[in-house]
Amino acid sequence: MISITVILEVDPNRVDEFVSAITANAASSREEPGCLRFEVSRHLEKTNVFALSELYRDRDAVEEHYGSDHFALWKKVADTGIITSRTAVRGEVI
């Protein structure tokens, strides 16, 4: 299994736009046969900080996810400068 954890800080003026885009991506991702989990969490105090917790069956499932239409739509929004800081860890579950 491949786990991906992403911490995103979002432009405070664009949080609603971000939430709309990421929840749509998460919902579509959960329908992928190789996606075992896709959760979006919001920091309790810093309301413009989010965590993505994703789990995929294997590397092929991750690549399918990255090649999906809904991921392309998400990237289009993400690449507009809406995200001000990003940290990610992607690796095999041990």
Protein backbone atom coordinates (compact mmCIF):
# COMPACT_ATOMS: atom_id res chain seq x y z
CA MET A 1 0.00 0.00 0.00
CA ILE A 2 1.05 3.56 -0.67
CA SER A 3 0.24 6.29 1.83
CA ILE A 4 0.29 9.98 0.93
CA THR A 5 0.03 12.68 3.58
CA VAL A 6 -0.09 16.29 2.47
CA ILE A 7 -0.21 19.45 4.59
CA LEU A 8 -1.45 22.51 2.72
CA GLU A 9 -1.61 26.12 3.80
CA VAL A 10 -4.15 27.98 1.71
CA ASP A 11 -4.48 31.67 0.90
CA PRO A 12 -6.91 32.82 3.63
CA ASN A 13 -8.93 34.78 1.07
CA ARG A 14 -9.49 31.67 -1.05
CA VAL A 15 -10.41 29.00 1.52
CA ASP A 16 -13.96 28.53 0.22
CA GLU A 17 -12.67 28.01 -3.32
CA PHE A 18 -10.10 25.52 -2.03
CA VAL A 19 -12.66 23.56 0.00
CA SER A 20 -14.95 23.28 -3.01
CA ALA A 21 -12.14 22.00 -5.25
CA ILE A 22 -10.55 19.59 -2.78
CA THR A 23 -13.82 18.03 -1.62
CA ALA A 24 -14.81 17.39 -5.23
CA ASN A 25 -11.42 15.78 -5.86
CA ALA A 26 -11.68 13.70 -2.68
CA ALA A 27 -15.17 12.44 -3.52
CA SER A 28 -14.12 11.38 -7.03
CA SER A 29 -10.88 9.87 -5.73
CA ARG A 30 -12.80 7.65 -3.28
CA GLU A 31 -14.57 6.12 -6.28
CA GLU A 32 -11.29 4.95 -7.84
CA PRO A 33 -10.91 1.17 -7.42
CA GLY A 34 -7.34 1.53 -6.11
CA CYS A 35 -8.09 4.31 -3.62
CA LEU A 36 -8.61 2.92 -0.13
CA ARG A 37 -8.87 6.27 1.70
CA PHE A 38 -8.97 9.96 0.87
CA GLU A 39 -9.70 12.22 3.83
CA VAL A 40 -9.49 15.99 4.08
CA SER A 41 -9.06 17.53 7.54
CA ARG A 42 -9.07 21.17 8.57
CA HIS A 43 -6.88 22.52 11.38
CA LEU A 44 -8.99 23.48 14.40
CA GLU A 45 -7.33 26.85 15.03
CA LYS A 46 -5.57 27.69 11.75
CA THR A 47 -8.60 27.39 9.49
CA ASN A 48 -6.58 27.86 6.31
CA VAL A 49 -4.40 24.79 7.00
CA PHE A 50 -5.53 21.39 5.70
CA ALA A 51 -4.27 17.82 5.79
CA LEU A 52 -4.91 15.23 3.09
CA SER A 53 -4.62 11.58 4.09
CA GLU A 54 -4.64 9.22 1.13
CA LEU A 55 -4.12 5.47 0.88
CA TYR A 56 -3.78 3.53 -2.36
CA ARG A 57 -3.59 -0.18 -3.12
CA ASP A 58 -0.23 0.13 -4.92
CA ARG A 59 1.90 2.40 -7.10
CA ASP A 60 -0.23 1.70 -10.16
CA ALA A 61 -3.29 2.99 -8.27
CA VAL A 62 -1.40 6.19 -7.41
CA GLU A 63 -0.50 6.68 -11.07
CA GLU A 64 -4.13 6.06 -12.08
CA HIS A 65 -5.14 8.73 -9.58
CA TYR A 66 -2.61 11.23 -10.95
CA GLY A 67 -3.84 10.51 -14.48
CA SER A 68 -7.54 10.98 -13.71
CA ASP A 69 -9.70 13.79 -15.05
CA HIS A 70 -10.71 14.90 -11.55
CA PHE A 71 -7.04 15.16 -10.49
CA ALA A 72 -6.37 17.33 -13.56
CA LEU A 73 -9.23 19.64 -12.51
CA TRP A 74 -7.82 19.78 -8.97
CA LYS A 75 -4.33 20.61 -10.28
CA LYS A 76 -5.75 23.40 -12.40
CA VAL A 77 -7.07 25.08 -9.23
CA ALA A 78 -4.02 24.18 -7.12
CA ASP A 79 -1.66 25.72 -9.66
CA THR A 80 -3.31 29.17 -9.46
CA GLY A 81 -1.41 30.20 -6.32
CA ILE A 82 -4.22 29.20 -3.97
CA ILE A 83 -1.76 27.09 -1.96
CA THR A 84 0.87 29.12 -0.12
CA SER A 85 2.76 26.22 1.49
CA ARG A 86 2.88 22.47 0.83
CA THR A 87 4.57 19.55 2.58
CA ALA A 88 4.06 15.95 1.49
CA VAL A 89 5.21 12.48 2.42
CA ARG A 90 4.58 9.62 0.00
CA GLY A 91 5.71 6.14 0.81
CA GLU A 92 5.02 2.47 1.23
CA VAL A 93 3.15 1.47 4.36
CA ILE A 94 5.44 -0.59 6.60
